């Protein structure tokens, strides 16, 4: 019997998603790189394989129902780990700011579709495969800026106002709690992880190295 665990990471072609893939691969997981741009996903999988990781890439746009359905058809019949990492901030000012009084609603819709609806879309599509694992795990990559307590505490340094991005992480945290309640009593564990400020394209290179 093959005991190798399989992990799918969305948005894994670069940045934090790639480093999560590399870390799980180093632990012996078979890695499936989910990427909207299949060429970039394939390049990331090749880089992982060069480092000794068992990795393949599949095209996966978390905002597209058909893309998710097609991706499921490419997966093995069991999935052990799902990391919902794909996320966007939407356009920001030079200080990363997003003014709630001037927000473009189309921007808000796009950020919600990726950061929240994409997580629901992918998770629900993959639950049948996760249920076949003896110890399935789901991790939603969130952020401390989604904390309403922190955001409203004048004593806490929370950074710029990001009125499109930050609320999607509050939304994601709430959704994660409800998944946990619904899945209580099953062998599926779901959590939200807040990695902090990590130096990637997403943060303009600010923060600690993603390998840490």
Protein backbone atom coordinates (compact mmCIF):
# COMPACT_ATOMS: atom_id res chain seq x y z
CA UNK A 1 0.00 0.00 0.00
CA UNK A 2 1.33 3.44 -0.93
CA UNK A 3 1.36 5.67 2.14
CA UNK A 4 2.62 8.77 0.31
CA UNK A 5 0.38 11.74 1.04
CA UNK A 6 -0.75 14.01 -1.77
CA UNK A 7 -1.07 17.76 -1.27
CA UNK A 8 -2.65 20.32 -3.57
CA UNK A 9 -1.64 23.95 -3.11
CA UNK A 10 -3.50 26.65 -5.02
CA UNK A 11 -1.49 29.57 -6.35
CA UNK A 12 1.65 27.52 -5.87
CA UNK A 13 3.67 28.72 -8.85
CA UNK A 14 5.46 31.42 -6.82
CA UNK A 15 5.84 33.17 -3.50
CA UNK A 16 4.36 31.70 -0.35
CA UNK A 17 2.46 29.01 -2.24
CA UNK A 18 5.65 27.73 -3.85
CA UNK A 19 7.45 27.64 -0.50
CA UNK A 20 4.55 25.76 1.09
CA UNK A 21 4.80 23.26 -1.75
CA UNK A 22 8.55 22.95 -1.25
CA UNK A 23 8.14 22.47 2.50
CA UNK A 24 5.49 19.77 2.17
CA UNK A 25 7.52 18.14 -0.58
CA UNK A 26 10.54 18.01 1.70
CA UNK A 27 8.36 16.12 4.20
CA UNK A 28 7.68 13.49 1.56
CA UNK A 29 4.33 14.65 0.21
CA UNK A 30 3.54 14.33 -3.47
CA UNK A 31 2.85 17.90 -4.57
CA UNK A 32 0.25 19.12 -7.01
CA UNK A 33 0.94 22.68 -8.05
CA UNK A 34 -2.30 24.49 -8.80
CA UNK A 35 -1.75 27.59 -10.92
CA UNK A 36 -3.96 29.79 -13.05
CA UNK A 37 -1.13 30.11 -15.59
CA UNK A 38 -0.29 26.52 -16.49
CA UNK A 39 3.07 27.47 -17.99
CA UNK A 40 4.17 29.04 -14.72
CA UNK A 41 2.76 26.11 -12.79
CA UNK A 42 4.72 23.68 -14.95
CA UNK A 43 7.91 25.68 -14.43
CA UNK A 44 7.35 25.63 -10.66
CA UNK A 45 6.80 21.87 -10.69
CA UNK A 46 10.00 21.40 -12.68
CA UNK A 47 11.89 23.49 -10.12
CA UNK A 48 10.47 21.37 -7.31
CA UNK A 49 11.42 18.16 -9.07
CA UNK A 50 14.95 19.47 -9.54
CA UNK A 51 15.08 19.80 -5.75
CA UNK A 52 13.99 16.18 -5.34
CA UNK A 53 10.28 16.76 -4.78
CA UNK A 54 7.65 14.57 -6.44
CA UNK A 55 5.63 17.34 -8.10
CA UNK A 56 3.23 17.87 -10.99
CA UNK A 57 1.24 20.91 -12.11
CA UNK A 58 -2.39 21.31 -13.07
CA UNK A 59 -4.16 24.38 -14.46
CA UNK A 60 -6.46 25.76 -11.79
CA UNK A 61 -8.25 29.11 -11.73
CA UNK A 62 -10.08 29.24 -8.41
CA UNK A 63 -12.52 31.84 -9.75
CA UNK A 64 -13.75 29.64 -12.60
CA UNK A 65 -16.21 26.81 -12.04
CA UNK A 66 -15.19 24.96 -15.21
CA UNK A 67 -11.50 25.24 -14.39
CA UNK A 68 -12.08 23.75 -10.95
CA UNK A 69 -14.18 20.93 -12.38
CA UNK A 70 -11.53 20.18 -14.99
CA UNK A 71 -8.82 20.22 -12.32
CA UNK A 72 -10.66 17.67 -10.18
CA UNK A 73 -10.75 15.32 -13.17
CA UNK A 74 -6.93 15.45 -13.30
CA UNK A 75 -6.41 14.55 -9.66
CA UNK A 76 -5.90 11.12 -8.10
CA UNK A 77 -8.91 9.63 -6.35
CA UNK A 78 -7.58 10.60 -2.92
CA UNK A 79 -6.27 13.90 -1.61
CA UNK A 80 -4.69 14.25 1.83
CA UNK A 81 -3.90 17.95 2.07
CA UNK A 82 -5.49 21.04 0.53
CA UNK A 83 -3.85 24.41 1.02
CA UNK A 84 -6.06 27.26 -0.19
CA UNK A 85 -3.29 29.76 -0.82
CA UNK A 86 -4.34 31.62 -3.98
CA UNK A 87 -5.17 35.22 -3.20
CA UNK A 88 -5.08 38.76 -4.54
CA UNK A 89 -5.10 42.20 -2.95
CA UNK A 90 -6.65 44.20 -5.76
CA UNK A 91 -5.13 47.53 -6.86
CA UNK A 92 -3.56 49.57 -4.07
CA UNK A 93 -2.03 53.00 -3.68
CA UNK A 94 1.70 53.59 -3.21
CA UNK A 95 1.30 52.82 0.51
CA UNK A 96 -0.81 49.70 -0.20
CA UNK A 97 -3.86 51.72 0.79
CA UNK A 98 -7.43 51.07 -0.38
CA UNK A 99 -9.79 53.89 0.56
CA UNK A 100 -13.26 52.51 1.41
CA UNK A 101 -14.87 55.79 0.37
CA UNK A 102 -13.64 55.48 -3.22
CA UNK A 103 -13.54 51.72 -3.75
CA UNK A 104 -14.48 50.36 -7.15
CA UNK A 105 -17.08 47.66 -6.49
CA UNK A 106 -15.77 45.59 -9.38
CA UNK A 107 -12.42 45.44 -7.57
CA UNK A 108 -14.13 44.29 -4.39
CA UNK A 109 -15.99 41.58 -6.31
CA UNK A 110 -12.77 40.28 -7.88
CA UNK A 111 -10.95 40.13 -4.55
CA UNK A 112 -13.87 38.40 -2.83
CA UNK A 113 -14.20 35.95 -5.72
CA UNK A 114 -10.57 34.89 -5.39
CA UNK A 115 -9.97 35.11 -1.65
CA UNK A 116 -13.28 33.76 -0.38
CA UNK A 117 -15.52 32.30 -3.08
CA UNK A 118 -12.49 30.60 -4.63
CA UNK A 119 -11.76 28.85 -1.34
CA UNK A 120 -15.36 27.64 -1.07
CA UNK A 121 -15.44 26.61 -4.73
CA UNK A 122 -12.23 24.57 -4.51
CA UNK A 123 -12.87 23.09 -1.07
CA UNK A 124 -16.34 21.84 -1.88
CA UNK A 125 -15.17 20.36 -5.19
CA UNK A 126 -12.35 18.48 -3.45
CA UNK A 127 -14.18 17.27 -0.35
CA UNK A 128 -15.06 13.90 -1.94
CA UNK A 129 -11.35 13.25 -2.55
CA UNK A 130 -10.36 14.48 0.91
CA UNK A 131 -12.92 12.19 2.55
CA UNK A 132 -11.02 9.20 1.11
CA UNK A 133 -7.92 10.14 3.12
CA UNK A 134 -7.40 8.66 6.58
CA UNK A 135 -6.31 12.05 7.93
CA UNK A 136 -7.30 14.88 5.57
CA UNK A 137 -6.21 18.43 6.29
CA UNK A 138 -7.39 21.76 4.88
CA UNK A 139 -5.45 24.97 5.50
CA UNK A 140 -6.79 28.34 4.42
CA UNK A 141 -4.11 31.01 4.13
CA UNK A 142 -5.51 34.04 5.92
CA UNK A 143 -3.94 37.15 7.43
CA UNK A 144 -3.84 39.00 10.72
CA UNK A 145 -5.34 42.00 8.90
CA UNK A 146 -8.56 40.00 8.88
CA UNK A 147 -8.80 40.29 12.65
CA UNK A 148 -11.52 42.80 13.57
CA UNK A 149 -10.05 43.07 17.07
CA UNK A 150 -6.64 44.04 15.76
CA UNK A 151 -8.00 46.32 13.07
CA UNK A 152 -10.03 48.31 15.62
CA UNK A 153 -7.36 48.50 18.35
CA UNK A 154 -5.51 51.85 18.21
CA UNK A 155 -2.63 50.32 20.18
CA UNK A 156 -1.88 47.75 17.46
CA UNK A 157 0.20 48.50 14.36
CA UNK A 158 -1.99 47.06 11.61
CA UNK A 159 -0.59 48.82 8.57
CA UNK A 160 -2.52 50.71 5.90
CA UNK A 161 -6.25 50.64 5.36
CA UNK A 162 -6.87 47.92 2.76
CA UNK A 163 -10.62 48.11 2.43
CA UNK A 164 -10.91 45.51 -0.34
CA UNK A 165 -8.31 42.98 0.83
CA UNK A 166 -8.57 42.96 4.64
CA UNK A 167 -12.33 42.29 4.85
CA UNK A 168 -11.93 39.26 2.59
CA UNK A 169 -9.67 37.74 5.22
CA UNK A 170 -12.26 38.46 7.91
CA UNK A 171 -14.79 36.76 5.63
CA UNK A 172 -12.42 33.82 5.09
CA UNK A 173 -11.85 33.42 8.82
CA UNK A 174 -15.59 33.26 9.42
CA UNK A 175 -16.09 30.77 6.60
CA UNK A 176 -13.30 28.60 8.03
CA UNK A 177 -15.01 28.54 11.43
CA UNK A 178 -18.25 27.37 9.84
CA UNK A 179 -16.48 24.63 7.89
CA UNK A 180 -14.90 23.49 11.16
CA UNK A 181 -18.30 23.37 12.81
CA UNK A 182 -19.84 21.48 9.90
CA UNK A 183 -16.96 18.98 9.76
CA UNK A 184 -16.80 18.43 13.52
CA UNK A 185 -16.97 14.73 14.26
CA UNK A 186 -15.31 13.81 10.96
CA UNK A 187 -11.64 13.13 10.39
CA UNK A 188 -11.23 16.34 8.34
CA UNK A 189 -9.37 19.10 10.14
CA UNK A 190 -9.56 22.65 8.79
CA UNK A 191 -7.66 25.69 10.01
CA UNK A 192 -6.76 29.21 8.94
CA UNK A 193 -3.07 30.14 8.98
CA UNK A 194 -1.75 33.70 9.23
CA UNK A 195 1.87 33.66 8.04
CA UNK A 196 2.53 37.35 8.67
CA UNK A 197 4.48 39.66 6.39
CA UNK A 198 6.45 37.50 3.96
CA UNK A 199 8.77 38.84 1.26
CA UNK A 200 7.03 37.89 -1.98
CA UNK A 201 5.75 39.66 -5.10
CA UNK A 202 2.48 40.10 -3.22
CA UNK A 203 4.19 42.26 -0.56
CA UNK A 204 6.63 43.98 -2.87
CA UNK A 205 9.50 42.06 -1.29
CA UNK A 206 8.83 43.32 2.22
CA UNK A 207 8.91 40.96 5.19
CA UNK A 208 10.81 37.87 6.21
CA UNK A 209 12.08 35.33 3.66
CA UNK A 210 9.31 32.94 2.59
CA UNK A 211 11.56 29.97 3.34
CA UNK A 212 11.33 30.84 7.05
